[in-house]
Amino acid sequence: MEIDRNVADTYIAENYFHRKFEKSDGKSVFVSQLVCGDVGCVVWDSAIVMFHFIEKNKSFFSGKKVIDLGSGTGLIGIQAAACGADAVITDLEEFISLMELNIKNNLHIISGTIEARCLRWGSDVSDLSSPDILLVSDCLYYDESVLPLAKTINDLSNENTIVYLSYEIRESEAKKKIVKDFFNIISKTFTVQDVPKHLLDEEFCCDDIKMLKMTKIKFS
């Protein structure tokens, strides 16, 4: 798979490095990552676990409306679209060009639809309708993002939305507190359960990566 030379030749050598993620049908998702930047400019391990979860469970995503929060490189949303979903990948403005580059370089494998949109957690989401599936991968990282992220998940979800959330268990007390604070908030409005192990790819899962399924509590 060659990248779009018209888009990327001038800055690939200086600012980008690349990674290929193989699918079960022999095709691959090709992702450009930034050499320098914030946490969203590269693919993290919890995203790889989610990538292969989607691959193993294509039928969950085919024909479904999917929104990916904190998409960064766009890998997870691109994978969902490659499995037949109509996907919207979202992140801050500074990641839009990276997401659009990765969309362009993977159009040949996308069987659904995909677009990149700017979304700051905690902001108004009235221009987005509730998806069938909301994807959240490795977004539990900054303390100041806990409340905005929980609000956006709540605002985008209805009682039929399934949220798949993956994150890495980190050992620092600060990171443990971030995870605890998030789940203290989100558990007030969502049921939270582990994704059963038989739905995960045996090669791409480990005890350090949590993969969760969340659904909104139906209050009477």
Protein backbone atom coordinates (compact mmCIF):
# COMPACT_ATOMS: atom_id res chain seq x y z
CA MET A 1 0.00 0.00 0.00
CA GLU A 2 1.50 3.35 -1.05
CA ILE A 3 0.52 6.60 0.55
CA ASP A 4 -0.92 9.45 -1.50
CA ARG A 5 2.26 11.10 -2.75
CA ASN A 6 0.41 14.26 -3.79
CA VAL A 7 -0.67 14.81 -0.19
CA ALA A 8 2.23 13.58 1.85
CA ASP A 9 5.61 13.59 0.09
CA THR A 10 6.72 16.97 1.39
CA TYR A 11 6.45 16.06 5.05
CA ILE A 12 6.50 12.30 5.40
CA ALA A 13 10.25 11.99 5.82
CA GLU A 14 10.40 14.78 8.39
CA ASN A 15 7.23 14.43 10.47
CA TYR A 16 5.61 11.04 9.92
CA PHE A 17 6.20 7.38 10.56
CA HIS A 18 3.89 4.64 9.37
CA ARG A 19 2.31 1.44 10.57
CA LYS A 20 0.32 -1.30 8.90
CA PHE A 21 -2.48 -3.19 10.68
CA GLU A 22 -3.43 -6.45 9.02
CA LYS A 23 -7.02 -7.62 8.68
CA SER A 24 -8.26 -11.20 8.46
CA ASP A 25 -9.09 -10.89 4.74
CA GLY A 26 -5.49 -10.13 3.80
CA LYS A 27 -6.07 -6.39 3.48
CA SER A 28 -4.41 -3.84 5.77
CA VAL A 29 -5.16 -0.49 7.33
CA PHE A 30 -2.23 1.86 6.70
CA VAL A 31 -1.79 4.57 9.33
CA SER A 32 0.50 7.59 9.33
CA GLN A 33 1.54 8.78 12.78
CA LEU A 34 3.23 12.01 13.81
CA VAL A 35 6.81 11.91 15.05
CA CYS A 36 6.09 14.78 17.47
CA GLY A 37 2.85 15.82 19.10
CA ASP A 38 0.30 15.05 21.79
CA VAL A 39 -0.90 11.56 22.77
CA GLY A 40 -3.44 11.47 19.93
CA CYS A 41 -0.85 11.49 17.15
CA VAL A 42 0.14 7.82 17.57
CA VAL A 43 -1.64 4.47 17.98
CA TRP A 44 -1.71 3.11 21.53
CA ASP A 45 -2.00 -0.52 22.62
CA SER A 46 -5.62 -0.27 23.73
CA ALA A 47 -6.54 0.90 20.23
CA ILE A 48 -4.86 -2.20 18.78
CA VAL A 49 -6.96 -4.40 21.07
CA MET A 50 -10.10 -2.58 19.91
CA PHE A 51 -9.01 -2.79 16.25
CA HIS A 52 -8.86 -6.58 16.46
CA PHE A 53 -12.07 -6.75 18.51
CA ILE A 54 -13.84 -4.97 15.63
CA GLU A 55 -12.19 -7.28 13.12
CA LYS A 56 -13.35 -10.38 14.99
CA ASN A 57 -16.89 -9.04 15.36
CA LYS A 58 -17.52 -7.41 11.98
CA SER A 59 -21.22 -8.22 12.13
CA PHE A 60 -21.61 -5.94 15.17
CA PHE A 61 -20.55 -2.97 13.03
CA SER A 62 -21.77 -3.61 9.49
CA GLY A 63 -24.51 -1.16 8.57
CA LYS A 64 -24.33 0.59 11.95
CA LYS A 65 -23.83 4.27 12.68
CA VAL A 66 -20.59 4.67 14.63
CA ILE A 67 -18.94 7.66 16.29
CA ASP A 68 -15.33 7.42 17.47
CA LEU A 69 -14.28 9.83 20.22
CA GLY A 70 -10.68 11.00 20.58
CA SER A 71 -9.87 9.29 17.31
CA GLY A 72 -6.34 10.70 16.92
CA THR A 73 -4.94 8.87 13.88
CA GLY A 74 -8.43 7.63 12.95
CA LEU A 75 -7.44 3.93 13.11
CA ILE A 76 -10.48 2.69 15.04
CA GLY A 77 -13.07 4.55 12.99
CA ILE A 78 -11.36 3.56 9.73
CA GLN A 79 -11.48 -0.07 10.85
CA ALA A 80 -15.19 0.23 11.67
CA ALA A 81 -15.85 1.76 8.24
CA ALA A 82 -13.80 -1.02 6.62
CA CYS A 83 -16.18 -3.46 8.33
CA GLY A 84 -19.22 -1.73 6.82
CA ALA A 85 -20.07 0.95 9.39
CA ASP A 86 -21.03 4.54 8.66
CA ALA A 87 -18.40 6.16 10.84
CA VAL A 88 -17.69 9.65 12.09
CA ILE A 89 -14.24 10.02 13.60
CA THR A 90 -13.77 12.96 15.94
CA ASP A 91 -11.00 14.79 17.73
CA LEU A 92 -9.60 18.27 18.26
CA GLU A 93 -8.97 20.56 15.31
CA GLU A 94 -5.22 19.84 15.27
CA PHE A 95 -5.83 16.17 14.45
CA ILE A 96 -8.24 16.68 11.55
CA SER A 97 -5.55 16.79 8.85
CA LEU A 98 -3.97 13.57 10.19
CA MET A 99 -7.34 11.80 10.27
CA GLU A 100 -8.18 12.99 6.76
CA LEU A 101 -4.80 11.82 5.46
CA ASN A 102 -5.39 8.36 6.93
CA ILE A 103 -8.92 8.22 5.57
CA LYS A 104 -7.63 9.08 2.08
CA ASN A 105 -4.97 6.41 2.20
CA ASN A 106 -7.49 3.72 3.20
CA LEU A 107 -10.44 4.53 0.95
CA HIS A 108 -9.80 1.36 -1.05
CA ILE A 109 -10.79 -0.85 1.90
CA ILE A 110 -13.76 1.13 3.23
CA SER A 111 -17.10 -0.53 2.53
CA GLY A 112 -19.19 1.83 4.67
CA THR A 113 -18.74 5.60 4.90
CA ILE A 114 -16.43 7.78 6.95
CA GLU A 115 -15.84 11.45 7.72
CA ALA A 116 -13.61 13.35 10.15
CA ARG A 117 -15.12 16.05 12.34
CA CYS A 118 -13.86 18.37 15.04
CA LEU A 119 -15.35 17.69 18.47
CA ARG A 120 -14.16 19.04 21.79
CA TRP A 121 -15.44 16.96 24.69
CA GLY A 122 -18.00 18.78 26.79
CA SER A 123 -19.12 20.98 23.89
CA ASP A 124 -22.52 21.00 22.20
CA VAL A 125 -23.23 17.81 20.21
CA SER A 126 -26.68 18.72 18.90
CA ASP A 127 -25.44 18.50 15.31
CA LEU A 128 -24.65 14.79 15.83
CA SER A 129 -27.41 12.22 16.24
CA SER A 130 -26.98 9.34 18.69
CA PRO A 131 -25.02 6.49 17.10
CA ASP A 132 -25.68 2.77 17.31
CA ILE A 133 -22.13 2.36 18.60
CA LEU A 134 -19.82 4.82 20.33
CA LEU A 135 -16.09 3.95 20.37
CA VAL A 136 -13.74 5.33 23.03
CA SER A 137 -10.15 4.09 23.02
CA ASP A 138 -7.43 5.16 25.47
CA CYS A 139 -9.10 8.46 26.36
CA LEU A 140 -8.67 8.12 30.14
CA TYR A 141 -5.39 9.95 30.32
CA TYR A 142 -5.78 13.56 31.48
CA ASP A 143 -7.51 14.56 34.72
CA GLU A 144 -9.04 17.67 33.16
CA SER A 145 -10.75 15.57 30.45
CA VAL A 146 -12.68 13.27 32.80
CA LEU A 147 -15.80 15.41 33.23
CA PRO A 148 -15.97 16.62 29.59
CA LEU A 149 -15.52 13.07 28.27
CA ALA A 150 -18.24 11.68 30.54
CA LYS A 151 -20.56 14.51 29.48
CA THR A 152 -19.97 13.87 25.78
CA ILE A 153 -20.56 10.13 26.16
CA ASN A 154 -23.80 10.89 28.00
CA ASP A 155 -24.92 13.51 25.50
CA LEU A 156 -24.27 11.35 22.44
CA SER A 157 -25.81 8.15 23.79
CA ASN A 158 -29.43 7.12 23.89
CA GLU A 159 -30.86 3.98 25.50
CA ASN A 160 -29.97 1.91 22.43
CA THR A 161 -26.38 3.10 22.02
CA ILE A 162 -23.63 0.62 22.84
CA VAL A 163 -20.38 2.15 24.05
CA TYR A 164 -17.18 0.15 23.64
CA LEU A 165 -14.38 1.61 25.74
CA SER A 166 -10.79 0.39 25.97
CA TYR A 167 -8.01 1.70 28.14
CA GLU A 168 -4.64 0.67 29.48
CA ILE A 169 -4.22 0.00 33.20
CA ARG A 170 -1.41 2.31 34.27
CA GLU A 171 0.39 2.02 37.60
CA SER A 172 0.82 5.64 38.63
CA GLU A 173 -1.53 6.83 41.37
CA ALA A 174 -2.53 9.83 39.27
CA LYS A 175 -3.65 7.62 36.37
CA LYS A 176 -5.49 5.26 38.72
CA LYS A 177 -7.37 8.23 40.15
CA ILE A 178 -8.38 9.40 36.67
CA VAL A 179 -9.89 5.98 35.91
CA LYS A 180 -11.64 5.82 39.27
CA ASP A 181 -13.07 9.32 38.91
CA PHE A 182 -14.35 8.59 35.41
CA PHE A 183 -16.15 5.40 36.39
CA ASN A 184 -17.59 7.03 39.51
CA ILE A 185 -19.24 9.54 37.18
CA ILE A 186 -20.21 7.31 34.27
CA SER A 187 -21.65 4.52 36.44
CA LYS A 188 -24.42 6.89 37.56
CA THR A 189 -25.96 6.73 34.09
CA PHE A 190 -24.43 3.63 32.45
CA THR A 191 -24.10 -0.05 33.20
CA VAL A 192 -20.47 -1.09 32.75
CA GLN A 193 -19.30 -4.63 32.07
CA ASP A 194 -16.24 -6.39 30.67
CA VAL A 195 -16.44 -7.53 27.06
CA PRO A 196 -16.40 -11.35 27.24
CA LYS A 197 -13.00 -12.80 26.45
CA HIS A 198 -14.33 -15.01 23.67
CA LEU A 199 -15.16 -11.84 21.70
CA LEU A 200 -11.57 -10.59 21.90
CA ASP A 201 -8.77 -11.64 19.59
CA GLU A 202 -6.69 -14.18 21.51
CA GLU A 203 -3.44 -12.79 20.13
CA PHE A 204 -4.31 -9.15 20.72
CA CYS A 205 -5.54 -8.95 24.29
CA CYS A 206 -3.84 -8.84 27.68
CA ASP A 207 -4.59 -8.21 31.33
CA ASP A 208 -3.19 -4.67 31.10
CA ILE A 209 -5.83 -3.59 28.57
CA LYS A 210 -9.47 -3.33 29.66
CA MET A 211 -12.19 -3.66 27.04
CA LEU A 212 -15.61 -2.63 28.32
CA LYS A 213 -19.18 -2.48 27.08
CA MET A 214 -21.42 0.29 28.44
CA THR A 215 -25.13 0.90 27.94
CA LYS A 216 -27.29 3.68 29.30
CA ILE A 217 -29.39 2.87 32.33
CA LYS A 218 -33.11 2.95 31.52
CA PHE A 219 -34.62 5.05 34.27
CA SER A 220 -38.38 4.72 34.66
